[in-house]
Amino acid sequence: MNRNVIFRIALPMLSLALTAALVAQTRRASSARDPGAEATAAASSAAGAIGAAGSAGATSAAGVAPTAGPGGADARALHAEGRVVTYPGGEVAVGTDIAGTLTNVAVQERDRVRRGQPLASILADDLRAEWQESRARLAESDAELKLAAIEIDRARKLVDAGVTPSQELDRRLRDRDAAQARHDTAVASIARLNALLEKTRIVAPIDGAVVERQADAGETLERGDPILTIADLAHLRIEAEVDEFDADRVALGAPVEVTAEGYEGRTWRGHVEEIPEAVTHRALKPQDPGRPTDTRVLLVKVALDLPTPLKLGQRVQVAISLSPQP
């Protein structure tokens, strides 16, 4: 083999051998000056390993990660999705109790209304005509009753005088009873028509705002058809869908942090106000595709501590604190 080739191969190997010898000599010299150096290094490495293991064990076995709780303190939190709802009776679908043609709708969406305020009306010409007929029959029966009273008084005097038989008085009494029945029928008919006419005038059942308008003037409606939806937007809360397996971990009064898409960087505080006694089917499709959609949920009600810009029906995310409460 050529000497040059042998030299190029042997030179790198010689360099590595010399480097290894220098490193070994340096370590021996260091150990001679400080006998505890190696022990200290080993102890530091062990402590670091123990610390890393302890940090890894801080995650909850149930999968609930630490989060910043109210007041900046770290607290375990249960995350769920929910939506903004009204309190019971705070959202009402206003419809018609009778079939007919809608003559006008006096309000628009977003209008504020007060309880008892007129909202719409149903065409009622035929009802008014029938009401007038009943009023006429009532007046006729009143006249018949007055005449019957006079004839009864006259017949009684004639019978007492022996001029006419008692059957004549009986006939007058029968006529009076028939007139009284017609009077009572007319009164009942008027009361029924008044109730129907009242239903053609549709008024607001609660204070609130018009959030939806489902019908316009000129439409023919059947009984029960919706016209407007009114909601009390001044009193809203969150209905959070908590997985049924986490139901026993939610406490009444627990602090809650609320966030929503479109409000980046903003959060709102609340607290658990109501925990129902039964679970139900999930209504919201989870945004996380990894979460199951066929599970049952507990609809936890969350009261908001302060007014928010959140809209009725808006989807939100909640973090319910699981830290012990005082």
C-alpha atoms as a PDB file:
ATOM      1  CA  MET A   1       0.000   0.000   0.000  1.00  0.00           C
ATOM      2  CA  ASN A   2       1.197   3.564  -0.694  1.00  0.00           C
ATOM      3  CA  ARG A   3       2.721   5.351   2.335  1.00  0.00           C
ATOM      4  CA  ASN A   4       0.678   8.496   1.674  1.00  0.00           C
ATOM      5  CA  VAL A   5      -2.506   6.493   1.819  1.00  0.00           C
ATOM      6  CA  ILE A   6      -1.492   4.824   5.095  1.00  0.00           C
ATOM      7  CA  PHE A   7      -0.610   8.223   6.586  1.00  0.00           C
ATOM      8  CA  ARG A   8      -4.025   9.739   5.644  1.00  0.00           C
ATOM      9  CA  ILE A   9      -5.785   6.826   7.353  1.00  0.00           C
ATOM     10  CA  ALA A  10      -3.700   6.691  10.483  1.00  0.00           C
ATOM     11  CA  LEU A  11      -3.591  10.432  11.199  1.00  0.00           C
ATOM     12  CA  PRO A  12      -7.313  10.894  12.142  1.00  0.00           C
ATOM     13  CA  MET A  13      -7.207   7.801  14.351  1.00  0.00           C
ATOM     14  CA  LEU A  14      -4.160   9.130  16.170  1.00  0.00           C
ATOM     15  CA  SER A  15      -5.864  12.496  16.751  1.00  0.00           C
ATOM     16  CA  LEU A  16      -8.888  10.801  18.326  1.00  0.00           C
ATOM     17  CA  ALA A  17      -6.658   8.752  20.636  1.00  0.00           C
ATOM     18  CA  LEU A  18      -4.788  11.827  21.840  1.00  0.00           C
ATOM     19  CA  THR A  19      -8.023  13.738  22.502  1.00  0.00           C
ATOM     20  CA  ALA A  20      -9.443  10.874  24.581  1.00  0.00           C
ATOM     21  CA  ALA A  21      -6.254  10.709  26.637  1.00  0.00           C
ATOM     22  CA  LEU A  22      -6.343  14.454  27.390  1.00  0.00           C
ATOM     23  CA  VAL A  23      -9.993  14.301  28.532  1.00  0.00           C
ATOM     24  CA  ALA A  24      -9.279  11.404  30.875  1.00  0.00           C
ATOM     25  CA  GLN A  25      -6.297  13.186  32.386  1.00  0.00           C
ATOM     26  CA  THR A  26      -8.347  16.362  32.959  1.00  0.00           C
ATOM     27  CA  ARG A  27     -11.122  14.426  34.800  1.00  0.00           C
ATOM     28  CA  ARG A  28      -8.587  12.711  37.058  1.00  0.00           C
ATOM     29  CA  ALA A  29      -7.013  16.051  37.940  1.00  0.00           C
ATOM     30  CA  SER A  30     -10.426  17.591  38.733  1.00  0.00           C
ATOM     31  CA  SER A  31     -11.361  14.679  40.979  1.00  0.00           C
ATOM     32  CA  ALA A  32      -8.104  15.024  42.838  1.00  0.00           C
ATOM     33  CA  ARG A  33      -8.766  18.728  43.599  1.00  0.00           C
ATOM     34  CA  ASP A  34     -12.530  18.234  44.555  1.00  0.00           C
ATOM     35  CA  PRO A  35     -13.439  14.668  45.567  1.00  0.00           C
ATOM     36  CA  GLY A  36     -17.179  15.551  45.954  1.00  0.00           C
ATOM     37  CA  ALA A  37     -17.571  17.067  42.493  1.00  0.00           C
ATOM     38  CA  GLU A  38     -18.696  13.858  40.859  1.00  0.00           C
ATOM     39  CA  ALA A  39     -21.104  13.107  43.733  1.00  0.00           C
ATOM     40  CA  THR A  40     -22.553  16.639  43.492  1.00  0.00           C
ATOM     41  CA  ALA A  41     -23.080  16.286  39.752  1.00  0.00           C
ATOM     42  CA  ALA A  42     -24.798  12.934  40.251  1.00  0.00           C
ATOM     43  CA  ALA A  43     -27.041  14.338  43.006  1.00  0.00           C
ATOM     44  CA  SER A  44     -27.997  17.297  40.797  1.00  0.00           C
ATOM     45  CA  SER A  45     -28.909  14.962  37.961  1.00  0.00           C
ATOM     46  CA  ALA A  46     -31.051  12.819  40.309  1.00  0.00           C
ATOM     47  CA  ALA A  47     -32.809  15.865  41.754  1.00  0.00           C
ATOM     48  CA  GLY A  48     -33.583  17.109  38.266  1.00  0.00           C
ATOM     49  CA  ALA A  49     -35.054  13.756  37.334  1.00  0.00           C
ATOM     50  CA  ILE A  50     -37.198  13.692  40.492  1.00  0.00           C
ATOM     51  CA  GLY A  51     -38.419  17.251  39.847  1.00  0.00           C
ATOM     52  CA  ALA A  52     -39.350  16.397  36.269  1.00  0.00           C
ATOM     53  CA  ALA A  53     -41.263  13.348  37.462  1.00  0.00           C
ATOM     54  CA  GLY A  54     -43.136  15.452  40.067  1.00  0.00           C
ATOM     55  CA  SER A  55     -44.108  18.035  37.428  1.00  0.00           C
ATOM     56  CA  ALA A  56     -45.405  15.320  35.148  1.00  0.00           C
ATOM     57  CA  GLY A  57     -47.606  14.007  37.987  1.00  0.00           C
ATOM     58  CA  ALA A  58     -49.315  17.426  38.493  1.00  0.00           C
ATOM     59  CA  THR A  59     -51.790  16.761  35.701  1.00  0.00           C
ATOM     60  CA  SER A  60     -55.107  15.477  36.984  1.00  0.00           C
ATOM     61  CA  ALA A  61     -55.710  11.775  36.544  1.00  0.00           C
ATOM     62  CA  ALA A  62     -59.199  12.690  35.314  1.00  0.00           C
ATOM     63  CA  GLY A  63     -57.785  14.862  32.538  1.00  0.00           C
ATOM     64  CA  VAL A  64     -58.761  18.238  33.997  1.00  0.00           C
ATOM     65  CA  ALA A  65     -55.838  20.568  33.362  1.00  0.00           C
ATOM     66  CA  PRO A  66     -54.881  23.377  35.776  1.00  0.00           C
ATOM     67  CA  THR A  67     -56.267  26.742  34.740  1.00  0.00           C
ATOM     68  CA  ALA A  68     -56.301  30.264  36.075  1.00  0.00           C
ATOM     69  CA  GLY A  69     -59.319  30.573  38.310  1.00  0.00           C
ATOM     70  CA  PRO A  70     -61.167  33.730  39.398  1.00  0.00           C
ATOM     71  CA  GLY A  71     -58.899  36.197  41.135  1.00  0.00           C
ATOM     72  CA  GLY A  72     -55.821  34.896  39.314  1.00  0.00           C
ATOM     73  CA  ALA A  73     -55.439  31.820  41.567  1.00  0.00           C
ATOM     74  CA  ASP A  74     -54.770  28.484  39.906  1.00  0.00           C
ATOM     75  CA  ALA A  75     -57.762  26.177  40.152  1.00  0.00           C
ATOM     76  CA  ARG A  76     -58.896  23.034  38.442  1.00  0.00           C
ATOM     77  CA  ALA A  77     -61.728  23.766  36.004  1.00  0.00           C
ATOM     78  CA  LEU A  78     -64.313  21.788  34.117  1.00  0.00           C
ATOM     79  CA  HIS A  79     -64.745  22.998  30.538  1.00  0.00           C
ATOM     80  CA  ALA A  80     -68.065  22.817  28.697  1.00  0.00           C
ATOM     81  CA  GLU A  81     -69.983  24.478  25.898  1.00  0.00           C
ATOM     82  CA  GLY A  82     -73.274  26.291  26.298  1.00  0.00           C
ATOM     83  CA  ARG A  83     -75.548  28.970  24.943  1.00  0.00           C
ATOM     84  CA  VAL A  84     -77.163  32.177  26.133  1.00  0.00           C
ATOM     85  CA  VAL A  85     -80.793  31.735  27.222  1.00  0.00           C
ATOM     86  CA  THR A  86     -83.469  33.665  29.083  1.00  0.00           C
ATOM     87  CA  TYR A  87     -84.859  32.809  32.473  1.00  0.00           C
ATOM     88  CA  PRO A  88     -88.068  30.713  32.543  1.00  0.00           C
ATOM     89  CA  GLY A  89     -90.910  32.778  31.099  1.00  0.00           C
ATOM     90  CA  GLY A  90     -88.474  35.281  29.624  1.00  0.00           C
ATOM     91  CA  GLU A  91     -89.025  34.216  26.008  1.00  0.00           C
ATOM     92  CA  VAL A  92     -92.564  33.971  24.622  1.00  0.00           C
ATOM     93  CA  ALA A  93     -93.860  33.068  21.168  1.00  0.00           C
ATOM     94  CA  VAL A  94     -96.889  35.304  20.583  1.00  0.00           C
ATOM     95  CA  GLY A  95     -99.526  33.734  18.335  1.00  0.00           C
ATOM     96  CA  THR A  96    -103.223  33.894  17.581  1.00  0.00           C
ATOM     97  CA  ASP A  97    -105.942  32.026  19.478  1.00  0.00           C
ATOM     98  CA  ILE A  98    -108.381  32.250  16.564  1.00  0.00           C
ATOM     99  CA  ALA A  99    -108.130  31.723  12.829  1.00  0.00           C
ATOM    100  CA  GLY A 100    -108.354  34.779  10.621  1.00  0.00           C
ATOM    101  CA  THR A 101    -106.583  37.330   8.479  1.00  0.00           C
ATOM    102  CA  LEU A 102    -103.850  39.416  10.041  1.00  0.00           C
ATOM    103  CA  THR A 103    -104.775  43.054   9.463  1.00  0.00           C
ATOM    104  CA  ASN A 104    -101.653  44.714  10.878  1.00  0.00           C
ATOM    105  CA  VAL A 105     -98.458  44.168  12.864  1.00  0.00           C
ATOM    106  CA  ALA A 106     -97.572  47.282  14.838  1.00  0.00           C
ATOM    107  CA  VAL A 107     -93.972  46.428  15.798  1.00  0.00           C
ATOM    108  CA  GLN A 108     -90.706  45.475  14.105  1.00  0.00           C
ATOM    109  CA  GLU A 109     -87.798  43.308  15.186  1.00  0.00           C
ATOM    110  CA  ARG A 110     -85.644  44.848  17.946  1.00  0.00           C
ATOM    111  CA  ASP A 111     -88.542  47.083  19.105  1.00  0.00           C
ATOM    112  CA  ARG A 112     -88.961  47.318  22.871  1.00  0.00           C
ATOM    113  CA  VAL A 113     -92.471  46.512  24.108  1.00  0.00           C
ATOM    114  CA  ARG A 114     -94.303  46.704  27.400  1.00  0.00           C
ATOM    115  CA  ARG A 115     -96.728  44.189  28.815  1.00  0.00           C
ATOM    116  CA  GLY A 116    -100.238  44.845  27.477  1.00  0.00           C
ATOM    117  CA  GLN A 117     -99.011  46.891  24.507  1.00  0.00           C
ATOM    118  CA  PRO A 118    -100.979  46.191  21.260  1.00  0.00           C
ATOM    119  CA  LEU A 119     -98.877  44.219  18.790  1.00  0.00           C
ATOM    120  CA  ALA A 120    -101.197  43.025  16.020  1.00  0.00           C
ATOM    121  CA  SER A 121    -104.854  42.462  15.139  1.00  0.00           C
ATOM    122  CA  ILE A 122    -106.996  39.883  13.331  1.00  0.00           C
ATOM    123  CA  LEU A 123    -109.845  40.778  10.970  1.00  0.00           C
ATOM    124  CA  ALA A 124    -113.071  40.512  12.999  1.00  0.00           C
ATOM    125  CA  ASP A 125    -115.883  41.990  10.859  1.00  0.00           C
ATOM    126  CA  ASP A 126    -118.024  38.832  11.094  1.00  0.00           C
ATOM    127  CA  LEU A 127    -117.597  38.670  14.857  1.00  0.00           C
ATOM    128  CA  ARG A 128    -118.633  42.294  15.243  1.00  0.00           C
ATOM    129  CA  ALA A 129    -121.729  41.699  13.114  1.00  0.00           C
ATOM    130  CA  GLU A 130    -122.680  38.709  15.257  1.00  0.00           C
ATOM    131  CA  TRP A 131    -122.081  40.795  18.365  1.00  0.00           C
ATOM    132  CA  GLN A 132    -124.530  43.415  17.067  1.00  0.00           C
ATOM    133  CA  GLU A 133    -127.143  40.730  16.448  1.00  0.00           C
ATOM    134  CA  SER A 134    -126.757  39.466  19.992  1.00  0.00           C
ATOM    135  CA  ARG A 135    -127.122  42.981  21.329  1.00  0.00           C
ATOM    136  CA  ALA A 136    -130.387  43.357  19.350  1.00  0.00           C
ATOM    137  CA  ARG A 137    -131.751  40.055  20.725  1.00  0.00           C
ATOM    138  CA  LEU A 138    -130.838  41.213  24.211  1.00  0.00           C
ATOM    139  CA  ALA A 139    -132.768  44.450  23.739  1.00  0.00           C
ATOM    140  CA  GLU A 140    -135.744  42.475  22.386  1.00  0.00           C
ATOM    141  CA  SER A 141    -135.750  40.130  25.353  1.00  0.00           C
ATOM    142  CA  ASP A 142    -135.561  43.096  27.731  1.00  0.00           C
ATOM    143  CA  ALA A 143    -138.692  44.555  26.128  1.00  0.00           C
ATOM    144  CA  GLU A 144    -140.455  41.207  26.374  1.00  0.00           C
ATOM    145  CA  LEU A 145    -139.608  40.972  30.060  1.00  0.00           C
ATOM    146  CA  LYS A 146    -141.029  44.404  30.746  1.00  0.00           C
ATOM    147  CA  LEU A 147    -144.257  43.544  28.887  1.00  0.00           C
ATOM    148  CA  ALA A 148    -144.482  40.176  30.647  1.00  0.00           C
ATOM    149  CA  ALA A 149    -144.218  41.865  34.043  1.00  0.00           C
ATOM    150  CA  ILE A 150    -147.087  44.225  33.182  1.00  0.00           C
ATOM    151  CA  GLU A 151    -149.308  41.418  31.838  1.00  0.00           C
ATOM    152  CA  ILE A 152    -148.623  39.224  34.849  1.00  0.00           C
ATOM    153  CA  ASP A 153    -149.684  42.023  37.186  1.00  0.00           C
ATOM    154  CA  ARG A 154    -152.862  42.617  35.189  1.00  0.00           C
ATOM    155  CA  ALA A 155    -153.706  38.902  34.979  1.00  0.00           C
ATOM    156  CA  ARG A 156    -153.199  38.439  38.715  1.00  0.00           C
ATOM    157  CA  LYS A 157    -155.650  41.237  39.465  1.00  0.00           C
ATOM    158  CA  LEU A 158    -158.248  39.755  37.106  1.00  0.00           C
ATOM    159  CA  VAL A 159    -157.850  36.304  38.604  1.00  0.00           C
ATOM    160  CA  ASP A 160    -158.172  37.716  42.117  1.00  0.00           C
ATOM    161  CA  ALA A 161    -161.359  39.492  41.015  1.00  0.00           C
ATOM    162  CA  GLY A 162    -162.714  36.275  39.520  1.00  0.00           C
ATOM    163  CA  VAL A 163    -162.942  37.791  36.043  1.00  0.00           C
ATOM    164  CA  THR A 164    -160.471  35.415  34.338  1.00  0.00           C
ATOM    165  CA  PRO A 165    -159.437  31.872  35.137  1.00  0.00           C
ATOM    166  CA  SER A 166    -156.083  31.139  36.735  1.00  0.00           C
ATOM    167  CA  GLN A 167    -154.846  29.551  33.514  1.00  0.00           C
ATOM    168  CA  GLU A 168    -154.482  33.020  32.038  1.00  0.00           C
ATOM    169  CA  LEU A 169    -152.046  33.948  34.804  1.00  0.00           C
ATOM    170  CA  ASP A 170    -150.129  30.719  34.226  1.00  0.00           C
ATOM    171  CA  ARG A 171    -149.781  31.564  30.516  1.00  0.00           C
ATOM    172  CA  ARG A 172    -148.405  35.017  31.337  1.00  0.00           C
ATOM    173  CA  LEU A 173    -145.902  33.519  33.751  1.00  0.00           C
ATOM    174  CA  ARG A 174    -144.768  31.059  31.062  1.00  0.00           C
ATOM    175  CA  ASP A 175    -144.260  33.899  28.593  1.00  0.00           C
ATOM    176  CA  ARG A 176    -142.148  35.749  31.137  1.00  0.00           C
ATOM    177  CA  ASP A 177    -139.935  32.696  31.735  1.00  0.00           C
ATOM    178  CA  ALA A 178    -139.407  32.268  27.982  1.00  0.00           C
ATOM    179  CA  ALA A 179    -138.419  35.918  27.647  1.00  0.00           C
ATOM    180  CA  GLN A 180    -136.003  35.522  30.555  1.00  0.00           C
ATOM    181  CA  ALA A 181    -134.377  32.528  28.851  1.00  0.00           C
ATOM    182  CA  ARG A 182    -133.943  34.514  25.638  1.00  0.00           C
ATOM    183  CA  HIS A 183    -132.425  37.331  27.681  1.00  0.00           C
ATOM    184  CA  ASP A 184    -129.930  34.990  29.354  1.00  0.00           C
ATOM    185  CA  THR A 185    -129.002  33.454  25.988  1.00  0.00           C
ATOM    186  CA  ALA A 186    -128.312  36.874  24.510  1.00  0.00           C
ATOM    187  CA  VAL A 187    -126.163  37.824  27.496  1.00  0.00           C
ATOM    188  CA  ALA A 188    -124.111  34.610  27.182  1.00  0.00           C
ATOM    189  CA  SER A 189    -123.690  35.137  23.435  1.00  0.00           C
ATOM    190  CA  ILE A 190    -122.416  38.658  23.979  1.00  0.00           C
ATOM    191  CA  ALA A 191    -119.933  37.452  26.590  1.00  0.00           C
ATOM    192  CA  ARG A 192    -118.653  34.769  24.204  1.00  0.00           C
ATOM    193  CA  LEU A 193    -118.280  37.247  21.350  1.00  0.00           C
ATOM    194  CA  ASN A 194    -116.526  39.740  23.619  1.00  0.00           C
ATOM    195  CA  ALA A 195    -113.970  37.051  24.477  1.00  0.00           C
ATOM    196  CA  LEU A 196    -113.440  36.266  20.780  1.00  0.00           C
ATOM    197  CA  LEU A 197    -113.110  39.924  19.876  1.00  0.00           C
ATOM    198  CA  GLU A 198    -110.559  40.335  22.643  1.00  0.00           C
ATOM    199  CA  LYS A 199    -108.500  37.564  21.047  1.00  0.00           C
ATOM    200  CA  THR A 200    -108.392  39.453  17.750  1.00  0.00           C
ATOM    201  CA  ARG A 201    -106.434  42.164  19.563  1.00  0.00           C
ATOM    202  CA  ILE A 202    -102.999  40.680  20.265  1.00  0.00           C
ATOM    203  CA  VAL A 203    -100.975  42.332  23.048  1.00  0.00           C
ATOM    204  CA  ALA A 204     -97.529  41.793  24.556  1.00  0.00           C
ATOM    205  CA  PRO A 205     -97.593  39.216  27.384  1.00  0.00           C
ATOM    206  CA  ILE A 206     -94.292  40.417  28.923  1.00  0.00           C
ATOM    207  CA  ASP A 207     -91.864  43.325  28.890  1.00  0.00           C
ATOM    208  CA  GLY A 208     -89.048  42.742  26.438  1.00  0.00           C
ATOM    209  CA  ALA A 209     -87.829  43.126  22.882  1.00  0.00           C
ATOM    210  CA  VAL A 210     -89.114  41.669  19.620  1.00  0.00           C
ATOM    211  CA  VAL A 211     -86.451  39.156  18.576  1.00  0.00           C
ATOM    212  CA  GLU A 212     -88.318  37.570  15.673  1.00  0.00           C
ATOM    213  CA  ARG A 213     -91.281  38.427  13.449  1.00  0.00           C
ATOM    214  CA  GLN A 214     -92.914  35.414  11.801  1.00  0.00           C
ATOM    215  CA  ALA A 215     -95.967  36.914  10.030  1.00  0.00           C
ATOM    216  CA  ASP A 216     -97.006  40.030   8.133  1.00  0.00           C
ATOM    217  CA  ALA A 217    -100.268  41.874   7.521  1.00  0.00           C
ATOM    218  CA  GLY A 218    -102.521  40.178   4.997  1.00  0.00           C
ATOM    219  CA  GLU A 219    -101.576  36.618   5.892  1.00  0.00           C
ATOM    220  CA  THR A 220    -104.328  34.164   6.795  1.00  0.00           C
ATOM    221  CA  LEU A 221    -103.464  32.416  10.031  1.00  0.00           C
ATOM    222  CA  GLU A 222    -104.744  29.291  11.711  1.00  0.00           C
ATOM    223  CA  ARG A 223    -105.303  29.053  15.412  1.00  0.00           C
ATOM    224  CA  GLY A 224    -101.948  28.776  17.190  1.00  0.00           C
ATOM    225  CA  ASP A 225     -99.817  30.178  14.355  1.00  0.00           C
ATOM    226  CA  PRO A 226     -96.921  32.329  15.677  1.00  0.00           C
ATOM    227  CA  ILE A 227     -96.694  36.026  14.876  1.00  0.00           C
ATOM    228  CA  LEU A 228     -93.848  37.380  17.028  1.00  0.00           C
ATOM    229  CA  THR A 229     -91.277  36.216  19.545  1.00  0.00           C
ATOM    230  CA  ILE A 230     -90.571  38.465  22.524  1.00  0.00           C
ATOM    231  CA  ALA A 231     -87.670  37.996  24.933  1.00  0.00           C
ATOM    232  CA  ASP A 232     -86.572  39.696  28.128  1.00  0.00           C
ATOM    233  CA  LEU A 233     -83.006  40.543  27.089  1.00  0.00           C
ATOM    234  CA  ALA A 234     -82.296  42.341  30.360  1.00  0.00           C
ATOM    235  CA  HIS A 235     -82.133  39.029  32.227  1.00  0.00           C
ATOM    236  CA  LEU A 236     -80.019  36.383  30.489  1.00  0.00           C
ATOM    237  CA  ARG A 237     -77.968  33.430  31.724  1.00  0.00           C
ATOM    238  CA  ILE A 238     -75.904  30.557  30.357  1.00  0.00           C
ATOM    239  CA  GLU A 239     -77.139  27.007  29.886  1.00  0.00           C
ATOM    240  CA  ALA A 240     -73.963  24.872  29.902  1.00  0.00           C
ATOM    241  CA  GLU A 241     -73.950  21.281  28.649  1.00  0.00           C
ATOM    242  CA  VAL A 242     -71.821  19.393  31.193  1.00  0.00           C
ATOM    243  CA  ASP A 243     -71.103  15.753  30.375  1.00  0.00           C
ATOM    244  CA  GLU A 244     -73.171  13.410  32.552  1.00  0.00           C
ATOM    245  CA  PHE A 245     -69.985  11.736  33.825  1.00  0.00           C
ATOM    246  CA  ASP A 246     -68.913  15.072  35.365  1.00  0.00           C
ATOM    247  CA  ALA A 247     -72.288  15.794  36.990  1.00  0.00           C
ATOM    248  CA  ASP A 248     -71.108  15.082  40.549  1.00  0.00           C
ATOM    249  CA  ARG A 249     -68.150  17.456  40.185  1.00  0.00           C
ATOM    250  CA  VAL A 250     -70.223  20.618  39.712  1.00  0.00           C
ATOM    251  CA  ALA A 251     -71.028  22.574  42.871  1.00  0.00           C
ATOM    252  CA  LEU A 252     -73.766  25.129  43.392  1.00  0.00           C
ATOM    253  CA  GLY A 253     -72.259  28.629  43.525  1.00  0.00           C
ATOM    254  CA  ALA A 254     -68.982  27.582  41.859  1.00  0.00           C
ATOM    255  CA  PRO A 255     -67.263  30.462  39.995  1.00  0.00           C
ATOM    256  CA  VAL A 256     -67.495  30.318  36.212  1.00  0.00           C
ATOM    257  CA  GLU A 257     -65.488  32.038  33.475  1.00  0.00           C
ATOM    258  CA  VAL A 258     -67.315  32.622  30.166  1.00  0.00           C
ATOM    259  CA  THR A 259     -65.744  33.231  26.753  1.00  0.00           C
ATOM    260  CA  ALA A 260     -67.192  33.448  23.251  1.00  0.00           C
ATOM    261  CA  GLU A 261     -65.968  33.542  19.692  1.00  0.00           C
ATOM    262  CA  GLY A 262     -65.858  37.038  18.269  1.00  0.00           C
ATOM    263  CA  TYR A 263     -64.827  38.486  21.625  1.00  0.00           C
ATOM    264  CA  GLU A 264     -61.156  37.514  21.631  1.00  0.00           C
ATOM    265  CA  GLY A 265     -59.380  38.412  24.846  1.00  0.00           C
ATOM    266  CA  ARG A 266     -62.617  39.134  26.719  1.00  0.00           C
ATOM    267  CA  THR A 267     -64.071  37.059  29.537  1.00  0.00           C
ATOM    268  CA  TRP A 268     -67.071  37.387  31.810  1.00  0.00           C
ATOM    269  CA  ARG A 269     -67.595  36.064  35.312  1.00  0.00           C
ATOM    270  CA  GLY A 270     -70.559  34.163  36.629  1.00  0.00           C
ATOM    271  CA  HIS A 271     -71.512  31.407  39.034  1.00  0.00           C
ATOM    272  CA  VAL A 272     -73.438  28.161  39.000  1.00  0.00           C
ATOM    273  CA  GLU A 273     -77.006  29.141  39.833  1.00  0.00           C
ATOM    274  CA  GLU A 274     -78.937  25.938  39.271  1.00  0.00           C
ATOM    275  CA  ILE A 275     -78.097  22.254  38.874  1.00  0.00           C
ATOM    276  CA  PRO A 276     -80.989  20.177  37.470  1.00  0.00           C
ATOM    277  CA  GLU A 277     -81.923  16.780  38.848  1.00  0.00           C
ATOM    278  CA  ALA A 278     -81.962  15.017  35.462  1.00  0.00           C
ATOM    279  CA  VAL A 279     -79.755  14.711  32.401  1.00  0.00           C
ATOM    280  CA  THR A 280     -80.929  15.209  28.826  1.00  0.00           C
ATOM    281  CA  HIS A 281     -79.751  14.750  25.259  1.00  0.00           C
ATOM    282  CA  ARG A 282     -76.977  16.989  23.963  1.00  0.00           C
ATOM    283  CA  ALA A 283     -78.391  19.866  21.906  1.00  0.00           C
ATOM    284  CA  LEU A 284     -75.110  21.489  20.830  1.00  0.00           C
ATOM    285  CA  LYS A 285     -72.768  19.713  18.462  1.00  0.00           C
ATOM    286  CA  PRO A 286     -69.298  19.790  20.077  1.00  0.00           C
ATOM    287  CA  GLN A 287     -66.795  21.994  18.270  1.00  0.00           C
ATOM    288  CA  ASP A 288     -64.071  19.529  19.219  1.00  0.00           C
ATOM    289  CA  PRO A 289     -64.390  16.638  16.710  1.00  0.00           C
ATOM    290  CA  GLY A 290     -62.793  14.316  19.258  1.00  0.00           C
ATOM    291  CA  ARG A 291     -65.680  14.682  21.706  1.00  0.00           C
ATOM    292  CA  PRO A 292     -68.652  12.264  21.434  1.00  0.00           C
ATOM    293  CA  THR A 293     -71.984  13.582  20.232  1.00  0.00           C
ATOM    294  CA  ASP A 294     -74.253  10.817  21.553  1.00  0.00           C
ATOM    295  CA  THR A 295     -73.664  11.386  25.272  1.00  0.00           C
ATOM    296  CA  ARG A 296     -76.224  12.810  27.670  1.00  0.00           C
ATOM    297  CA  VAL A 297     -75.555  16.081  29.441  1.00  0.00           C
ATOM    298  CA  LEU A 298     -76.511  18.041  32.533  1.00  0.00           C
ATOM    299  CA  LEU A 299     -77.881  21.490  31.670  1.00  0.00           C
ATOM    300  CA  VAL A 300     -76.132  23.561  34.331  1.00  0.00           C
ATOM    301  CA  LYS A 301     -77.539  27.100  34.663  1.00  0.00           C
ATOM    302  CA  VAL A 302     -74.922  29.843  35.056  1.00  0.00           C
ATOM    303  CA  ALA A 303     -75.900  33.328  36.255  1.00  0.00           C
ATOM    304  CA  LEU A 304     -73.845  36.216  34.888  1.00  0.00           C
ATOM    305  CA  ASP A 305     -72.439  38.527  37.533  1.00  0.00           C
ATOM    306  CA  LEU A 306     -72.607  41.645  35.299  1.00  0.00           C
ATOM    307  CA  PRO A 307     -74.337  42.621  32.024  1.00  0.00           C
ATOM    308  CA  THR A 308     -72.561  41.365  28.899  1.00  0.00           C
ATOM    309  CA  PRO A 309     -72.770  42.050  25.131  1.00  0.00           C
ATOM    310  CA  LEU A 310     -73.615  38.391  24.504  1.00  0.00           C
ATOM    311  CA  LYS A 311     -76.655  37.741  22.308  1.00  0.00           C
ATOM    312  CA  LEU A 312     -79.605  35.468  22.985  1.00  0.00           C
ATOM    313  CA  GLY A 313     -78.861  31.991  21.626  1.00  0.00           C
ATOM    314  CA  GLN A 314     -75.134  32.704  21.199  1.00  0.00           C
ATOM    315  CA  ARG A 315     -72.746  29.799  21.694  1.00  0.00           C
ATOM    316  CA  VAL A 316     -70.176  30.210  24.489  1.00  0.00           C
ATOM    317  CA  GLN A 317     -67.501  28.276  26.333  1.00  0.00           C
ATOM    318  CA  VAL A 318     -67.482  28.028  30.121  1.00  0.00           C
ATOM    319  CA  ALA A 319     -64.825  27.008  32.638  1.00  0.00           C
ATOM    320  CA  ILE A 320     -66.465  25.906  35.885  1.00  0.00           C
ATOM    321  CA  SER A 321     -64.104  26.077  38.857  1.00  0.00           C
ATOM    322  CA  LEU A 322     -63.682  22.834  40.748  1.00  0.00           C
ATOM    323  CA  SER A 323     -61.674  24.358  43.618  1.00  0.00           C
ATOM    324  CA  PRO A 324     -63.148  23.969  47.125  1.00  0.00           C
ATOM    325  CA  GLN A 325     -65.505  26.757  48.048  1.00  0.00           C
ATOM    326  CA  PRO A 326     -65.407  28.514  51.435  1.00  0.00           C
END
